[in-house]
Amino acid sequence: MGIVDKAKDLHKKLADATIPQRVVFHHVPKCGGTSVGRALRRRYLLSQGTVTPESSFRAFEAFSGRDDREQMLVDVLDLREQMLLYLLYEDVRCVSLHVRFSEPAHNMFREKYKFITILREPVSRFVSHYFWSHGKPHAHARIDEPIEEFIETERAKKLGATYAEFFCGLPKDVDFTSDDAIEAAISNLKKFDVVGRLNDLPAFADNIKRQLGVNLRIGHENRSRRSSTEVKSAISPEIKQKIEELCRPDIKIWETIRA
């Protein structure tokens, strides 16, 4: 055995001794996942991996040579699922990334890995997602339209069904607002070992401790660039009502899972 192989073997033994429980964290945008992912990776320093949205999109863009950004935001999800599977086959102990629920990953690795995620009240998540992405001219997932125009777009319709899109496990071109997608998402979320809620981080941390055997110190990353006053002033009662309508799929999932 050469020196490199010996180092790899030692690294594996250290990982087995110190962090025996493997975990996949499904990071849904604007649900506190950046803070959770970083807290997890700090506890799994010997073996952890992530896939960042911006870099994975840029890699997909460079490889494909495409410039149809809106469709690429959908198609890049396949690349991220493939990267998830790669990291699992590499036996990385903590994998944290923006990725849809993967039936192959769960079926093949559920005996070795705990699958966890955290959700947020859907209307608050929608508003946070909009203001985080708006006015970022160089970001891959930027939103250009003012809020009153954006809520009339197809992308806003999809944004209101983010939980359905992330967890239904159906082909990426289905209607994520459909009852089939909603029910599939609920069914798949019930397969998770931990589904936390952003409004109850202590309970989430307790469940993580029971499932993974680690204590998490969850900070507050990716704070909004807009003040709460600025956000509230932009959301009129009419706009809020429209957002609630758009979020109907995710509200149903949220209310069912938290019951």
Protein backbone atom coordinates (compact mmCIF):
# COMPACT_ATOMS: atom_id res chain seq x y z
CA MET A 1 0.00 0.00 0.00
CA GLY A 2 1.45 3.35 -1.09
CA ILE A 3 1.58 6.48 1.03
CA VAL A 4 -1.51 7.98 -0.64
CA ASP A 5 -3.55 4.82 -0.06
CA LYS A 6 -2.35 4.68 3.55
CA ALA A 7 -3.45 8.29 4.06
CA LYS A 8 -6.87 7.53 2.58
CA ASP A 9 -7.23 4.48 4.80
CA LEU A 10 -6.29 6.50 7.89
CA HIS A 11 -8.74 9.24 6.91
CA LYS A 12 -11.53 6.66 6.55
CA LYS A 13 -10.75 5.12 9.93
CA LEU A 14 -10.76 8.54 11.59
CA ALA A 15 -14.09 9.38 9.94
CA ASP A 16 -15.58 6.05 11.04
CA ALA A 17 -14.43 6.65 14.61
CA THR A 18 -15.53 10.27 14.94
CA ILE A 19 -18.54 10.70 12.61
CA PRO A 20 -20.10 7.29 12.00
CA GLN A 21 -23.56 8.58 11.05
CA ARG A 22 -23.80 9.88 7.49
CA VAL A 23 -26.29 12.60 6.52
CA VAL A 24 -27.83 14.24 3.45
CA PHE A 25 -29.22 17.74 3.97
CA HIS A 26 -31.70 18.86 1.33
CA HIS A 27 -31.31 22.64 1.32
CA VAL A 28 -34.46 24.43 0.16
CA PRO A 29 -33.73 28.07 -0.72
CA LYS A 30 -34.53 30.71 1.94
CA CYS A 31 -35.46 28.27 4.69
CA GLY A 32 -32.44 28.86 6.89
CA GLY A 33 -30.52 26.14 5.09
CA THR A 34 -27.27 28.05 4.70
CA SER A 35 -26.98 28.32 8.47
CA VAL A 36 -27.94 24.67 8.98
CA GLY A 37 -25.61 23.42 6.25
CA ARG A 38 -22.63 25.30 7.65
CA ALA A 39 -23.38 24.10 11.18
CA LEU A 40 -23.50 20.51 9.93
CA ARG A 41 -20.32 20.78 7.89
CA ARG A 42 -18.47 22.17 10.91
CA ARG A 43 -19.34 18.96 12.77
CA TYR A 44 -18.27 16.82 9.81
CA LEU A 45 -15.01 18.58 8.94
CA LEU A 46 -13.21 15.32 8.15
CA SER A 47 -15.71 14.38 5.45
CA GLN A 48 -18.19 16.88 4.08
CA GLY A 49 -19.21 18.21 0.70
CA THR A 50 -21.57 20.67 -0.89
CA VAL A 51 -22.67 21.83 -4.34
CA THR A 52 -23.16 25.58 -4.61
CA PRO A 53 -26.00 26.85 -6.82
CA GLU A 54 -23.97 29.52 -8.61
CA SER A 55 -20.96 27.34 -9.45
CA SER A 56 -23.04 24.34 -10.53
CA PHE A 57 -25.10 26.60 -12.81
CA ARG A 58 -21.97 28.15 -14.31
CA ALA A 59 -20.48 24.69 -14.88
CA PHE A 60 -23.68 23.60 -16.62
CA GLU A 61 -23.67 26.80 -18.66
CA ALA A 62 -20.06 26.31 -19.77
CA PHE A 63 -20.57 22.64 -20.64
CA SER A 64 -23.86 23.09 -22.51
CA GLY A 65 -23.05 26.37 -24.26
CA ARG A 66 -26.65 27.45 -23.70
CA ASP A 67 -28.02 30.88 -22.85
CA ASP A 68 -31.73 30.16 -22.23
CA ARG A 69 -31.39 31.02 -18.55
CA GLU A 70 -34.95 30.35 -17.39
CA GLN A 71 -34.97 26.80 -18.77
CA MET A 72 -31.43 26.22 -17.59
CA LEU A 73 -32.57 26.97 -14.02
CA VAL A 74 -34.74 23.87 -14.42
CA ASP A 75 -32.33 21.64 -16.33
CA VAL A 76 -29.39 22.23 -13.97
CA LEU A 77 -31.32 20.29 -11.33
CA ASP A 78 -30.35 17.05 -13.10
CA LEU A 79 -26.66 17.94 -12.75
CA ARG A 80 -27.09 18.61 -9.03
CA GLU A 81 -28.81 15.26 -8.53
CA GLN A 82 -25.94 13.54 -10.35
CA MET A 83 -23.46 15.37 -8.12
CA LEU A 84 -25.42 14.22 -5.05
CA LEU A 85 -25.16 10.61 -6.20
CA TYR A 86 -21.44 11.04 -6.89
CA LEU A 87 -20.80 12.35 -3.36
CA LEU A 88 -22.79 9.48 -1.85
CA TYR A 89 -20.86 6.89 -3.85
CA GLU A 90 -17.67 8.59 -2.63
CA ASP A 91 -18.94 7.94 0.92
CA VAL A 92 -18.80 11.62 1.90
CA ARG A 93 -20.26 11.69 5.41
CA CYS A 94 -22.13 15.01 5.24
CA VAL A 95 -23.65 16.15 1.95
CA SER A 96 -25.47 19.49 1.92
CA LEU A 97 -26.87 20.99 -1.27
CA HIS A 98 -29.77 22.54 -3.17
CA VAL A 99 -31.15 19.37 -4.71
CA ARG A 100 -34.52 17.84 -5.44
CA PHE A 101 -35.55 14.64 -3.69
CA SER A 102 -33.80 11.80 -5.51
CA GLU A 103 -35.56 8.45 -5.53
CA PRO A 104 -32.36 6.64 -6.61
CA ALA A 105 -30.33 8.32 -3.86
CA HIS A 106 -32.88 7.54 -1.16
CA ASN A 107 -33.45 3.95 -2.30
CA MET A 108 -29.75 3.13 -2.53
CA PHE A 109 -28.43 5.00 0.50
CA ARG A 110 -31.21 5.24 3.09
CA GLU A 111 -29.65 2.43 5.15
CA LYS A 112 -26.38 4.37 5.51
CA TYR A 113 -27.53 8.00 5.44
CA LYS A 114 -30.06 10.04 7.37
CA PHE A 115 -32.04 12.39 5.12
CA ILE A 116 -32.99 15.73 6.64
CA THR A 117 -34.40 19.10 5.59
CA ILE A 118 -35.91 22.26 7.05
CA LEU A 119 -38.94 24.19 5.81
CA ARG A 120 -40.39 27.65 6.36
CA GLU A 121 -43.87 29.17 6.29
CA PRO A 122 -44.41 29.39 2.49
CA VAL A 123 -45.50 33.01 2.09
CA SER A 124 -42.54 34.23 4.15
CA ARG A 125 -40.26 31.96 2.13
CA PHE A 126 -41.62 33.33 -1.17
CA VAL A 127 -41.15 36.95 -0.09
CA SER A 128 -37.64 36.27 1.23
CA HIS A 129 -36.69 34.45 -1.98
CA TYR A 130 -37.93 37.33 -4.13
CA PHE A 131 -36.08 40.05 -2.24
CA TRP A 132 -32.90 37.96 -2.00
CA SER A 133 -32.83 37.40 -5.78
CA HIS A 134 -34.11 40.77 -6.98
CA GLY A 135 -31.59 43.37 -8.07
CA LYS A 136 -28.61 41.03 -8.49
CA PRO A 137 -27.66 41.65 -12.13
CA HIS A 138 -24.88 39.06 -12.28
CA ALA A 139 -26.52 36.24 -10.31
CA HIS A 140 -27.63 33.16 -12.23
CA ALA A 141 -31.05 33.05 -10.53
CA ARG A 142 -31.68 36.79 -10.47
CA ILE A 143 -35.17 38.24 -10.61
CA ASP A 144 -35.39 41.38 -12.71
CA GLU A 145 -39.06 42.34 -12.44
CA PRO A 146 -40.56 44.52 -9.68
CA ILE A 147 -42.73 42.51 -7.31
CA GLU A 148 -46.05 43.60 -8.84
CA GLU A 149 -44.91 42.32 -12.25
CA PHE A 150 -43.08 39.25 -11.01
CA ILE A 151 -46.13 37.72 -9.32
CA GLU A 152 -47.82 37.47 -12.74
CA THR A 153 -45.00 35.38 -14.26
CA GLU A 154 -44.63 31.63 -14.74
CA ARG A 155 -41.55 31.69 -12.55
CA ALA A 156 -43.60 33.13 -9.67
CA LYS A 157 -46.07 30.28 -10.13
CA LYS A 158 -43.21 27.80 -9.76
CA LEU A 159 -41.78 29.72 -6.82
CA GLY A 160 -45.05 29.23 -4.98
CA ALA A 161 -44.67 25.48 -5.50
CA THR A 162 -41.05 25.21 -4.40
CA TYR A 163 -41.71 22.44 -1.86
CA ALA A 164 -43.68 20.50 -4.46
CA GLU A 165 -40.84 20.90 -6.97
CA PHE A 166 -38.12 19.94 -4.49
CA PHE A 167 -39.77 16.89 -2.97
CA CYS A 168 -42.26 15.36 -5.42
CA GLY A 169 -39.61 13.27 -7.18
CA LEU A 170 -41.51 13.61 -10.46
CA PRO A 171 -39.98 14.64 -13.82
CA LYS A 172 -38.83 18.25 -13.81
CA ASP A 173 -41.31 19.28 -16.52
CA VAL A 174 -44.50 18.32 -14.64
CA ASP A 175 -46.99 20.83 -13.23
CA PHE A 176 -45.76 21.27 -9.67
CA THR A 177 -49.02 22.96 -8.67
CA SER A 178 -50.98 19.77 -9.43
CA ASP A 179 -52.52 17.59 -6.74
CA ASP A 180 -50.32 14.69 -7.89
CA ALA A 181 -47.14 16.71 -7.32
CA ILE A 182 -48.36 17.96 -3.94
CA GLU A 183 -49.30 14.48 -2.71
CA ALA A 184 -46.03 13.01 -3.99
CA ALA A 185 -44.06 15.69 -2.13
CA ILE A 186 -45.93 14.98 1.10
CA SER A 187 -45.33 11.25 0.68
CA ASN A 188 -41.60 11.73 0.08
CA LEU A 189 -41.17 14.16 2.97
CA LYS A 190 -42.58 11.47 5.26
CA LYS A 191 -39.59 9.33 4.27
CA PHE A 192 -37.18 11.87 5.76
CA ASP A 193 -35.59 11.22 9.12
CA VAL A 194 -35.92 14.87 10.16
CA VAL A 195 -38.11 17.63 8.71
CA GLY A 196 -37.51 20.80 10.70
CA ARG A 197 -39.30 24.14 10.78
CA LEU A 198 -37.46 27.43 10.72
CA ASN A 199 -39.82 28.83 13.36
CA ASP A 200 -38.76 26.10 15.83
CA LEU A 201 -34.99 25.69 15.56
CA PRO A 202 -34.59 24.23 19.09
CA ALA A 203 -36.87 21.30 18.21
CA PHE A 204 -34.99 20.83 14.93
CA ALA A 205 -31.63 20.78 16.73
CA ASP A 206 -33.00 18.26 19.26
CA ASN A 207 -34.15 15.97 16.44
CA ILE A 208 -30.74 16.29 14.78
CA LYS A 209 -29.09 15.27 18.06
CA ARG A 210 -31.29 12.18 18.31
CA GLN A 211 -30.74 11.12 14.70
CA LEU A 212 -27.08 12.08 14.15
CA GLY A 213 -25.65 12.22 17.64
CA VAL A 214 -24.23 15.72 17.14
CA ASN A 215 -25.00 19.07 18.75
CA LEU A 216 -25.56 21.86 16.25
CA ARG A 217 -24.98 25.55 16.89
CA ILE A 218 -27.09 27.13 14.17
CA GLY A 219 -26.19 30.73 13.40
CA HIS A 220 -27.91 33.22 11.13
CA GLU A 221 -26.35 33.34 7.66
CA ASN A 222 -27.51 35.03 4.44
CA ARG A 223 -29.45 37.78 6.16
CA SER A 224 -31.79 39.75 3.93
CA ARG A 225 -30.28 42.71 2.11
CA ARG A 226 -33.55 44.62 2.65
CA SER A 227 -34.89 45.93 5.93
CA SER A 228 -38.17 44.55 7.23
CA THR A 229 -39.68 48.03 6.83
CA GLU A 230 -38.67 48.14 3.18
CA VAL A 231 -40.11 44.70 2.53
CA LYS A 232 -43.39 45.46 4.27
CA SER A 233 -43.82 48.69 2.34
CA ALA A 234 -43.45 46.82 -0.96
CA ILE A 235 -46.04 44.14 -0.11
CA SER A 236 -49.49 45.66 -0.41
CA PRO A 237 -52.56 43.68 0.73
CA GLU A 238 -53.32 42.90 -2.92
CA ILE A 239 -49.80 41.62 -3.57
CA LYS A 240 -49.86 39.54 -0.39
CA GLN A 241 -53.17 37.97 -1.42
CA LYS A 242 -51.71 37.06 -4.81
CA ILE A 243 -48.63 35.53 -3.17
CA GLU A 244 -50.87 33.46 -0.90
CA GLU A 245 -52.68 32.16 -3.98
CA LEU A 246 -49.38 31.32 -5.66
CA CYS A 247 -48.20 29.50 -2.54
CA ARG A 248 -51.29 27.28 -2.31
CA PRO A 249 -49.32 24.11 -3.19
CA ASP A 250 -46.60 24.77 -0.63
CA ILE A 251 -49.10 25.85 2.03
CA LYS A 252 -50.86 22.50 1.71
CA ILE A 253 -47.54 20.66 2.04
CA TRP A 254 -46.45 22.84 4.98
CA GLU A 255 -49.71 22.40 6.88
CA THR A 256 -49.76 18.64 6.31
CA ILE A 257 -46.16 18.04 7.34
CA ARG A 258 -46.30 20.20 10.47
CA ALA A 259 -49.57 18.62 11.67
